[in-house]
Amino acid sequence: MDELVFSVEQWSKDKGVDKADSSKQFLKVTEEVGEVAAALARSDMHELKDGIGDTIVTLIILAQQNGMTIEECLSQAYGVISKRSGKMVNGVFVKSEDL
C-alpha cells in the first residue's frame, strides 16, 4: 500500500496537481464518490472497484495538497472510531451519542 500511495503522490507532483487549489481537488473527491454511488445503485462491481480506487486517489492528493499524508488522516480517524461505541440500526452503525 505504501508503494501505491507514494506512486500517486509522485504522479501528483509530476503533473503539478500537488500545488493546485485543494478546494478544486475536493470537487474531484465528490465526483468520484458520486461514481461510487452510481455503481452501487447499478450493482456494478467493476465500476464500484474503480470508483473506490479513484476516490482514494483523490483523497491522497487532497491530503498531500494540505501538507498531510493519507496515513496521518486515516490514523487520526481510526483513533477516534476505535473507541466509539454504538449499535447497528437498519444496517447503519449509529454512535452512542446519536442514539
C-alpha atoms as a PDB file:
ATOM      1  CA  MET A   1       0.000   0.000   0.000  1.00  0.00           C
ATOM      2  CA  ASP A   2       2.841   2.394   0.851  1.00  0.00           C
ATOM      3  CA  GLU A   3       4.262   1.994  -2.649  1.00  0.00           C
ATOM      4  CA  LEU A   4       0.899   2.766  -4.247  1.00  0.00           C
ATOM      5  CA  VAL A   5       0.412   5.871  -2.096  1.00  0.00           C
ATOM      6  CA  PHE A   6       3.939   7.014  -2.971  1.00  0.00           C
ATOM      7  CA  SER A   7       3.207   6.447  -6.675  1.00  0.00           C
ATOM      8  CA  VAL A   8       0.018   8.526  -6.500  1.00  0.00           C
ATOM      9  CA  GLU A   9       1.851  11.326  -4.673  1.00  0.00           C
ATOM     10  CA  GLN A  10       4.660  11.235  -7.230  1.00  0.00           C
ATOM     11  CA  TRP A  11       2.171  11.306 -10.126  1.00  0.00           C
ATOM     12  CA  SER A  12       0.550  14.320  -8.488  1.00  0.00           C
ATOM     13  CA  LYS A  13       3.913  16.084  -8.229  1.00  0.00           C
ATOM     14  CA  ASP A  14       4.839  15.208 -11.814  1.00  0.00           C
ATOM     15  CA  LYS A  15       1.570  16.723 -13.058  1.00  0.00           C
ATOM     16  CA  GLY A  16       1.669  19.751 -10.713  1.00  0.00           C
ATOM     17  CA  VAL A  17      -1.575  18.671  -9.077  1.00  0.00           C
ATOM     18  CA  ASP A  18       0.080  18.733  -5.641  1.00  0.00           C
ATOM     19  CA  LYS A  19       0.252  22.547  -5.864  1.00  0.00           C
ATOM     20  CA  ALA A  20      -3.295  23.055  -7.175  1.00  0.00           C
ATOM     21  CA  ASP A  21      -6.202  24.576  -5.243  1.00  0.00           C
ATOM     22  CA  SER A  22      -7.384  21.922  -2.795  1.00  0.00           C
ATOM     23  CA  SER A  23     -10.983  23.162  -2.984  1.00  0.00           C
ATOM     24  CA  LYS A  24     -10.928  22.094  -6.640  1.00  0.00           C
ATOM     25  CA  GLN A  25      -9.499  18.742  -5.603  1.00  0.00           C
ATOM     26  CA  PHE A  26     -12.384  18.315  -3.193  1.00  0.00           C
ATOM     27  CA  LEU A  27     -14.736  18.673  -6.167  1.00  0.00           C
ATOM     28  CA  LYS A  28     -12.910  15.696  -7.698  1.00  0.00           C
ATOM     29  CA  VAL A  29     -13.412  13.751  -4.464  1.00  0.00           C
ATOM     30  CA  THR A  30     -17.157  14.357  -4.552  1.00  0.00           C
ATOM     31  CA  GLU A  31     -17.310  13.490  -8.260  1.00  0.00           C
ATOM     32  CA  GLU A  32     -15.684  10.138  -7.554  1.00  0.00           C
ATOM     33  CA  VAL A  33     -17.955   9.494  -4.556  1.00  0.00           C
ATOM     34  CA  GLY A  34     -20.885  10.073  -6.916  1.00  0.00           C
ATOM     35  CA  GLU A  35     -19.481   7.402  -9.223  1.00  0.00           C
ATOM     36  CA  VAL A  36     -19.323   5.015  -6.255  1.00  0.00           C
ATOM     37  CA  ALA A  37     -22.993   5.726  -5.530  1.00  0.00           C
ATOM     38  CA  ALA A  38     -23.939   5.117  -9.156  1.00  0.00           C
ATOM     39  CA  ALA A  39     -22.037   1.828  -9.216  1.00  0.00           C
ATOM     40  CA  LEU A  40     -23.776   0.686  -6.035  1.00  0.00           C
ATOM     41  CA  ALA A  41     -27.170   1.640  -7.445  1.00  0.00           C
ATOM     42  CA  ARG A  42     -26.433  -0.476 -10.533  1.00  0.00           C
ATOM     43  CA  SER A  43     -24.726  -3.326  -8.635  1.00  0.00           C
ATOM     44  CA  ASP A  44     -21.768  -2.842 -10.986  1.00  0.00           C
ATOM     45  CA  MET A  45     -18.849  -4.325  -9.068  1.00  0.00           C
ATOM     46  CA  HIS A  46     -16.256  -3.380 -11.717  1.00  0.00           C
ATOM     47  CA  GLU A  47     -17.275   0.290 -11.600  1.00  0.00           C
ATOM     48  CA  LEU A  48     -17.540   0.129  -7.812  1.00  0.00           C
ATOM     49  CA  LYS A  49     -13.934  -1.035  -7.537  1.00  0.00           C
ATOM     50  CA  ASP A  50     -12.814   1.688  -9.968  1.00  0.00           C
ATOM     51  CA  GLY A  51     -14.814   4.349  -8.127  1.00  0.00           C
ATOM     52  CA  ILE A  52     -13.455   3.389  -4.727  1.00  0.00           C
ATOM     53  CA  GLY A  53      -9.925   3.429  -6.124  1.00  0.00           C
ATOM     54  CA  ASP A  54     -10.451   6.805  -7.789  1.00  0.00           C
ATOM     55  CA  THR A  55     -11.886   8.203  -4.556  1.00  0.00           C
ATOM     56  CA  ILE A  56      -8.826   7.051  -2.622  1.00  0.00           C
ATOM     57  CA  VAL A  57      -6.534   8.640  -5.234  1.00  0.00           C
ATOM     58  CA  THR A  58      -8.337  11.969  -4.939  1.00  0.00           C
ATOM     59  CA  LEU A  59      -8.170  11.820  -1.133  1.00  0.00           C
ATOM     60  CA  ILE A  60      -4.436  11.046  -1.187  1.00  0.00           C
ATOM     61  CA  ILE A  61      -3.889  14.129  -3.338  1.00  0.00           C
ATOM     62  CA  LEU A  62      -6.196  16.291  -1.182  1.00  0.00           C
ATOM     63  CA  ALA A  63      -4.190  15.333   1.900  1.00  0.00           C
ATOM     64  CA  GLN A  64      -0.925  15.997   0.037  1.00  0.00           C
ATOM     65  CA  GLN A  65      -2.105  19.444  -1.060  1.00  0.00           C
ATOM     66  CA  ASN A  66      -2.696  20.322   2.585  1.00  0.00           C
ATOM     67  CA  GLY A  67       0.642  19.086   3.906  1.00  0.00           C
ATOM     68  CA  MET A  68      -0.736  15.828   5.285  1.00  0.00           C
ATOM     69  CA  THR A  69      -0.407  12.184   4.415  1.00  0.00           C
ATOM     70  CA  ILE A  70      -3.323   9.851   3.896  1.00  0.00           C
ATOM     71  CA  GLU A  71      -1.814   7.647   6.617  1.00  0.00           C
ATOM     72  CA  GLU A  72      -1.946  10.537   9.126  1.00  0.00           C
ATOM     73  CA  CYS A  73      -5.580  11.210   8.242  1.00  0.00           C
ATOM     74  CA  LEU A  74      -6.533   7.555   8.495  1.00  0.00           C
ATOM     75  CA  SER A  75      -4.653   7.144  11.770  1.00  0.00           C
ATOM     76  CA  GLN A  76      -6.430  10.135  13.296  1.00  0.00           C
ATOM     77  CA  ALA A  77      -9.830   8.878  12.170  1.00  0.00           C
ATOM     78  CA  TYR A  78      -9.148   5.360  13.427  1.00  0.00           C
ATOM     79  CA  GLY A  79      -8.008   6.748  16.773  1.00  0.00           C
ATOM     80  CA  VAL A  80     -11.490   8.226  17.168  1.00  0.00           C
ATOM     81  CA  ILE A  81     -13.604   5.363  15.820  1.00  0.00           C
ATOM     82  CA  SER A  82     -11.639   2.646  17.631  1.00  0.00           C
ATOM     83  CA  LYS A  83     -13.001   3.992  20.930  1.00  0.00           C
ATOM     84  CA  ARG A  84     -16.519   4.613  19.640  1.00  0.00           C
ATOM     85  CA  SER A  85     -19.472   2.662  20.915  1.00  0.00           C
ATOM     86  CA  GLY A  86     -22.856   2.321  19.341  1.00  0.00           C
ATOM     87  CA  LYS A  87     -25.042  -0.172  17.555  1.00  0.00           C
ATOM     88  CA  MET A  88     -26.341  -1.136  14.160  1.00  0.00           C
ATOM     89  CA  VAL A  89     -29.702   0.408  13.252  1.00  0.00           C
ATOM     90  CA  ASN A  90     -31.272  -0.637   9.954  1.00  0.00           C
ATOM     91  CA  GLY A  91     -27.880  -1.670   8.597  1.00  0.00           C
ATOM     92  CA  VAL A  92     -26.102   1.545   9.669  1.00  0.00           C
ATOM     93  CA  PHE A  93     -23.725   1.907  12.620  1.00  0.00           C
ATOM     94  CA  VAL A  94     -25.016   4.715  14.857  1.00  0.00           C
ATOM     95  CA  LYS A  95     -22.657   6.053  17.512  1.00  0.00           C
ATOM     96  CA  SER A  96     -23.914   6.051  21.093  1.00  0.00           C
ATOM     97  CA  GLU A  97     -24.251   9.823  21.387  1.00  0.00           C
ATOM     98  CA  ASP A  98     -26.606   9.838  18.386  1.00  0.00           C
ATOM     99  CA  LEU A  99     -28.891   7.121  19.729  1.00  0.00           C
END
